[in-house]
Structures are given as C-alpha cells and as structure tokens.
C-alpha cells in the first residue's frame, strides 16, 4: 500500500500541485525533495503532472528505457509521460485551505509545498498537532526525525 502525498509549488497565493502515490513519508519523499529539488526542478516536476513515484531525477537519460512497467532507479515515474494516462495534469488552488482539501480528497497523508524556494511539509492526520494542516519547514522536520531514530 502506498503512502500517498501531494507535492506543490506556490506562486503567490496559488499552489500548483500533483499527486504522488508511493513513499510520501518524510524519510523518502521529504529527503528527496529537500536534497534534490530546487525551485526550477520543483516547477518542472509539477509541470509534468501526477506521479507514481518520486526519484532524485526527472529526466530519462538519453537512450535509456524507462517506463511505468520498467522504471529506472532514481528516475521519477509519471502517470502521463511513463504510463500514457490522460487527465493527470497539475491542479491549481487559490488558497492553502483549498490545497489542503485537495490533499485530503486524494487520500494524501503527507504534503510538500515549495514556497519562495523553501520546502515545507504537513500532513492530514488530525491527531498530529505538529504537522496537521500546517506548513512546517521541511529541513526542521527532517532534523527532528533524525533525532527520534
């Protein structure tokens, strides 16, 4: 079973976001986003639409065989590009509340938002007072997670 997440980029008050099916927890998607996705790459990720799994890289190396059925390690797998699905474009929300509702509505447990070049994280677990319906600095969340291991 996947740990679903939503990954977004905020431009002013507008948040463009995509669904991600696998490994949405901090120790996977959180680490990858923090360590490998700057603002430019985050915008590129969102532009390509919903994804099955997040990798350190977006682009398929020239001549390589990468698909949904035969994914290359470390390469993001998209529903549109790699599985040829339609209707998987990014979604735009005008407020954080609307974005949060979209995250809950798609079954996302975690969400990640880049705002002004900085990653934030939150979750949809109403019992989690640290992350529920908040934007917490991802770097702080990852540091705190290291301390609990």
C-alpha atoms as a PDB file:
ATOM      1  CA  UNK A   1       0.000   0.000   0.000  1.00  0.00           C
ATOM      2  CA  UNK A   2       1.324   3.443  -0.914  1.00  0.00           C
ATOM      3  CA  UNK A   3       1.890   6.373   1.390  1.00  0.00           C
ATOM      4  CA  UNK A   4       0.229   8.967  -0.786  1.00  0.00           C
ATOM      5  CA  UNK A   5       1.321  12.578  -0.880  1.00  0.00           C
ATOM      6  CA  UNK A   6       0.738  15.829  -2.706  1.00  0.00           C
ATOM      7  CA  UNK A   7       3.650  17.932  -3.961  1.00  0.00           C
ATOM      8  CA  UNK A   8       3.124  21.579  -4.802  1.00  0.00           C
ATOM      9  CA  UNK A   9       4.770  24.841  -5.708  1.00  0.00           C
ATOM     10  CA  UNK A  10       3.296  28.138  -4.544  1.00  0.00           C
ATOM     11  CA  UNK A  11       3.363  31.221  -6.764  1.00  0.00           C
ATOM     12  CA  UNK A  12       1.953  33.991  -4.607  1.00  0.00           C
ATOM     13  CA  UNK A  13      -1.239  32.521  -3.146  1.00  0.00           C
ATOM     14  CA  UNK A  14      -1.695  29.985  -5.959  1.00  0.00           C
ATOM     15  CA  UNK A  15      -0.494  26.453  -5.301  1.00  0.00           C
ATOM     16  CA  UNK A  16       0.022  24.157  -8.283  1.00  0.00           C
ATOM     17  CA  UNK A  17       0.273  20.566  -7.112  1.00  0.00           C
ATOM     18  CA  UNK A  18       0.436  16.941  -8.179  1.00  0.00           C
ATOM     19  CA  UNK A  19      -0.494  13.617  -6.628  1.00  0.00           C
ATOM     20  CA  UNK A  20       2.248  11.095  -5.743  1.00  0.00           C
ATOM     21  CA  UNK A  21       1.220   7.511  -4.980  1.00  0.00           C
ATOM     22  CA  UNK A  22       4.287   5.910  -3.382  1.00  0.00           C
ATOM     23  CA  UNK A  23       6.564   6.669  -0.448  1.00  0.00           C
ATOM     24  CA  UNK A  24       5.177  10.045   0.598  1.00  0.00           C
ATOM     25  CA  UNK A  25       6.600   9.879   4.107  1.00  0.00           C
ATOM     26  CA  UNK A  26       9.314  12.248   5.357  1.00  0.00           C
ATOM     27  CA  UNK A  27      12.176   9.750   5.199  1.00  0.00           C
ATOM     28  CA  UNK A  28      11.619   9.180   1.471  1.00  0.00           C
ATOM     29  CA  UNK A  29       9.855  11.947  -0.469  1.00  0.00           C
ATOM     30  CA  UNK A  30      10.821  14.537   2.135  1.00  0.00           C
ATOM     31  CA  UNK A  31      14.516  13.696   1.893  1.00  0.00           C
ATOM     32  CA  UNK A  32      14.479  13.546  -1.919  1.00  0.00           C
ATOM     33  CA  UNK A  33      12.710  16.885  -2.270  1.00  0.00           C
ATOM     34  CA  UNK A  34      14.948  18.625   0.259  1.00  0.00           C
ATOM     35  CA  UNK A  35      18.200  17.260  -1.184  1.00  0.00           C
ATOM     36  CA  UNK A  36      17.493  17.142  -4.930  1.00  0.00           C
ATOM     37  CA  UNK A  37      14.763  19.644  -5.875  1.00  0.00           C
ATOM     38  CA  UNK A  38      15.445  23.351  -6.123  1.00  0.00           C
ATOM     39  CA  UNK A  39      12.812  25.824  -7.323  1.00  0.00           C
ATOM     40  CA  UNK A  40      13.423  25.220 -11.022  1.00  0.00           C
ATOM     41  CA  UNK A  41      13.333  21.447 -10.712  1.00  0.00           C
ATOM     42  CA  UNK A  42      10.256  21.573  -8.441  1.00  0.00           C
ATOM     43  CA  UNK A  43       8.383  23.603 -11.067  1.00  0.00           C
ATOM     44  CA  UNK A  44       9.442  21.111 -13.757  1.00  0.00           C
ATOM     45  CA  UNK A  45       8.218  18.218 -11.589  1.00  0.00           C
ATOM     46  CA  UNK A  46       4.795  19.770 -11.078  1.00  0.00           C
ATOM     47  CA  UNK A  47       4.502  20.702 -14.767  1.00  0.00           C
ATOM     48  CA  UNK A  48       4.734  17.014 -15.728  1.00  0.00           C
ATOM     49  CA  UNK A  49       1.661  16.094 -13.657  1.00  0.00           C
ATOM     50  CA  UNK A  50       0.752  13.310 -11.258  1.00  0.00           C
ATOM     51  CA  UNK A  51       3.359  10.725 -10.427  1.00  0.00           C
ATOM     52  CA  UNK A  52       3.582   7.177  -9.279  1.00  0.00           C
ATOM     53  CA  UNK A  53       6.920   7.535  -7.504  1.00  0.00           C
ATOM     54  CA  UNK A  54       9.396  10.335  -6.877  1.00  0.00           C
ATOM     55  CA  UNK A  55      13.025   9.873  -7.815  1.00  0.00           C
ATOM     56  CA  UNK A  56      16.099  12.054  -7.486  1.00  0.00           C
ATOM     57  CA  UNK A  57      15.894  12.873 -11.189  1.00  0.00           C
ATOM     58  CA  UNK A  58      13.134  13.784 -13.620  1.00  0.00           C
ATOM     59  CA  UNK A  59      14.807  13.377 -16.988  1.00  0.00           C
ATOM     60  CA  UNK A  60      15.331   9.984 -18.599  1.00  0.00           C
ATOM     61  CA  UNK A  61      18.938   9.532 -19.719  1.00  0.00           C
ATOM     62  CA  UNK A  62      19.276   9.603 -23.498  1.00  0.00           C
ATOM     63  CA  UNK A  63      18.831   6.144 -24.978  1.00  0.00           C
ATOM     64  CA  UNK A  64      17.620   4.629 -21.693  1.00  0.00           C
ATOM     65  CA  UNK A  65      14.477   2.523 -21.434  1.00  0.00           C
ATOM     66  CA  UNK A  66      12.228   3.923 -18.696  1.00  0.00           C
ATOM     67  CA  UNK A  67       8.513   3.275 -18.398  1.00  0.00           C
ATOM     68  CA  UNK A  68       5.886   2.652 -15.755  1.00  0.00           C
ATOM     69  CA  UNK A  69       6.376  -1.103 -16.185  1.00  0.00           C
ATOM     70  CA  UNK A  70      10.183  -0.876 -16.307  1.00  0.00           C
ATOM     71  CA  UNK A  71      11.205   2.178 -14.252  1.00  0.00           C
ATOM     72  CA  UNK A  72      14.847   3.155 -13.941  1.00  0.00           C
ATOM     73  CA  UNK A  73      16.125   3.508 -10.393  1.00  0.00           C
ATOM     74  CA  UNK A  74      16.272   7.131  -9.279  1.00  0.00           C
ATOM     75  CA  UNK A  75      14.051   8.445 -12.099  1.00  0.00           C
ATOM     76  CA  UNK A  76      10.614   9.864 -11.259  1.00  0.00           C
ATOM     77  CA  UNK A  77       7.775   7.836 -12.767  1.00  0.00           C
ATOM     78  CA  UNK A  78       4.890   9.938 -14.100  1.00  0.00           C
ATOM     79  CA  UNK A  79       1.398   8.732 -14.985  1.00  0.00           C
ATOM     80  CA  UNK A  80       1.272  10.816 -18.159  1.00  0.00           C
ATOM     81  CA  UNK A  81       4.787  10.519 -19.541  1.00  0.00           C
ATOM     82  CA  UNK A  82       5.547   6.976 -18.439  1.00  0.00           C
ATOM     83  CA  UNK A  83       2.127   5.312 -18.368  1.00  0.00           C
ATOM     84  CA  UNK A  84       0.472   7.389 -21.107  1.00  0.00           C
ATOM     85  CA  UNK A  85      -2.540   8.293 -18.947  1.00  0.00           C
ATOM     86  CA  UNK A  86      -4.712  11.348 -19.562  1.00  0.00           C
ATOM     87  CA  UNK A  87      -6.260  13.709 -17.022  1.00  0.00           C
ATOM     88  CA  UNK A  88      -3.199  13.728 -14.770  1.00  0.00           C
ATOM     89  CA  UNK A  89      -2.164  17.365 -15.087  1.00  0.00           C
ATOM     90  CA  UNK A  90      -1.294  19.511 -12.092  1.00  0.00           C
ATOM     91  CA  UNK A  91      -4.136  21.140 -10.197  1.00  0.00           C
ATOM     92  CA  UNK A  92      -4.173  24.765  -9.048  1.00  0.00           C
ATOM     93  CA  UNK A  93      -5.667  26.045  -5.804  1.00  0.00           C
ATOM     94  CA  UNK A  94      -6.144  29.694  -4.851  1.00  0.00           C
ATOM     95  CA  UNK A  95      -5.770  29.223  -1.089  1.00  0.00           C
ATOM     96  CA  UNK A  96      -3.928  26.930   1.296  1.00  0.00           C
ATOM     97  CA  UNK A  97      -7.283  25.672   2.626  1.00  0.00           C
ATOM     98  CA  UNK A  98      -8.308  24.656  -0.885  1.00  0.00           C
ATOM     99  CA  UNK A  99      -4.948  22.915  -1.401  1.00  0.00           C
ATOM    100  CA  UNK A 100      -5.343  21.102   1.927  1.00  0.00           C
ATOM    101  CA  UNK A 101      -8.831  19.917   0.931  1.00  0.00           C
ATOM    102  CA  UNK A 102      -7.391  18.614  -2.353  1.00  0.00           C
ATOM    103  CA  UNK A 103      -4.655  16.760  -0.437  1.00  0.00           C
ATOM    104  CA  UNK A 104      -7.226  15.163   1.873  1.00  0.00           C
ATOM    105  CA  UNK A 105      -9.531  14.419  -1.056  1.00  0.00           C
ATOM    106  CA  UNK A 106      -6.912  12.441  -2.958  1.00  0.00           C
ATOM    107  CA  UNK A 107      -6.017  10.414   0.123  1.00  0.00           C
ATOM    108  CA  UNK A 108      -2.662  12.116   0.654  1.00  0.00           C
ATOM    109  CA  UNK A 109      -1.206  11.508   4.066  1.00  0.00           C
ATOM    110  CA  UNK A 110       1.652  13.998   3.644  1.00  0.00           C
ATOM    111  CA  UNK A 111       2.057  17.104   1.517  1.00  0.00           C
ATOM    112  CA  UNK A 112       5.067  19.119   0.460  1.00  0.00           C
ATOM    113  CA  UNK A 113       4.999  22.704  -0.750  1.00  0.00           C
ATOM    114  CA  UNK A 114       7.822  24.817  -2.106  1.00  0.00           C
ATOM    115  CA  UNK A 115       7.283  28.497  -1.372  1.00  0.00           C
ATOM    116  CA  UNK A 116       9.877  31.161  -2.174  1.00  0.00           C
ATOM    117  CA  UNK A 117      12.489  28.481  -2.848  1.00  0.00           C
ATOM    118  CA  UNK A 118      11.986  26.733   0.516  1.00  0.00           C
ATOM    119  CA  UNK A 119      10.317  23.352   1.114  1.00  0.00           C
ATOM    120  CA  UNK A 120       7.570  22.939   3.712  1.00  0.00           C
ATOM    121  CA  UNK A 121       5.750  19.821   4.888  1.00  0.00           C
ATOM    122  CA  UNK A 122       2.495  18.960   6.593  1.00  0.00           C
ATOM    123  CA  UNK A 123       0.085  16.071   6.908  1.00  0.00           C
ATOM    124  CA  UNK A 124      -3.584  15.219   7.021  1.00  0.00           C
ATOM    125  CA  UNK A 125      -3.549  13.292  10.321  1.00  0.00           C
ATOM    126  CA  UNK A 126      -5.820  15.363  12.567  1.00  0.00           C
ATOM    127  CA  UNK A 127      -4.253  13.697  15.622  1.00  0.00           C
ATOM    128  CA  UNK A 128      -0.769  15.067  14.757  1.00  0.00           C
ATOM    129  CA  UNK A 129      -0.538  18.562  16.255  1.00  0.00           C
ATOM    130  CA  UNK A 130       2.959  19.079  14.839  1.00  0.00           C
ATOM    131  CA  UNK A 131       2.057  18.738  11.148  1.00  0.00           C
ATOM    132  CA  UNK A 132      -1.733  18.669  10.742  1.00  0.00           C
ATOM    133  CA  UNK A 133      -2.904  21.346   8.309  1.00  0.00           C
ATOM    134  CA  UNK A 134       0.358  23.283   8.705  1.00  0.00           C
ATOM    135  CA  UNK A 135       3.377  24.277   6.676  1.00  0.00           C
ATOM    136  CA  UNK A 136       6.428  23.252   8.717  1.00  0.00           C
ATOM    137  CA  UNK A 137       9.927  23.851   7.397  1.00  0.00           C
ATOM    138  CA  UNK A 138      10.937  20.563   5.799  1.00  0.00           C
ATOM    139  CA  UNK A 139      14.544  20.997   6.930  1.00  0.00           C
ATOM    140  CA  UNK A 140      13.382  21.299  10.564  1.00  0.00           C
ATOM    141  CA  UNK A 141      11.063  18.298  10.233  1.00  0.00           C
ATOM    142  CA  UNK A 142      13.842  16.145   8.788  1.00  0.00           C
ATOM    143  CA  UNK A 143      16.248  17.209  11.533  1.00  0.00           C
ATOM    144  CA  UNK A 144      13.673  16.358  14.215  1.00  0.00           C
ATOM    145  CA  UNK A 145      13.026  12.981  12.559  1.00  0.00           C
ATOM    146  CA  UNK A 146      16.752  12.155  12.732  1.00  0.00           C
ATOM    147  CA  UNK A 147      16.748  12.848  16.449  1.00  0.00           C
ATOM    148  CA  UNK A 148      13.942  10.350  17.085  1.00  0.00           C
ATOM    149  CA  UNK A 149      15.684   7.469  15.281  1.00  0.00           C
END
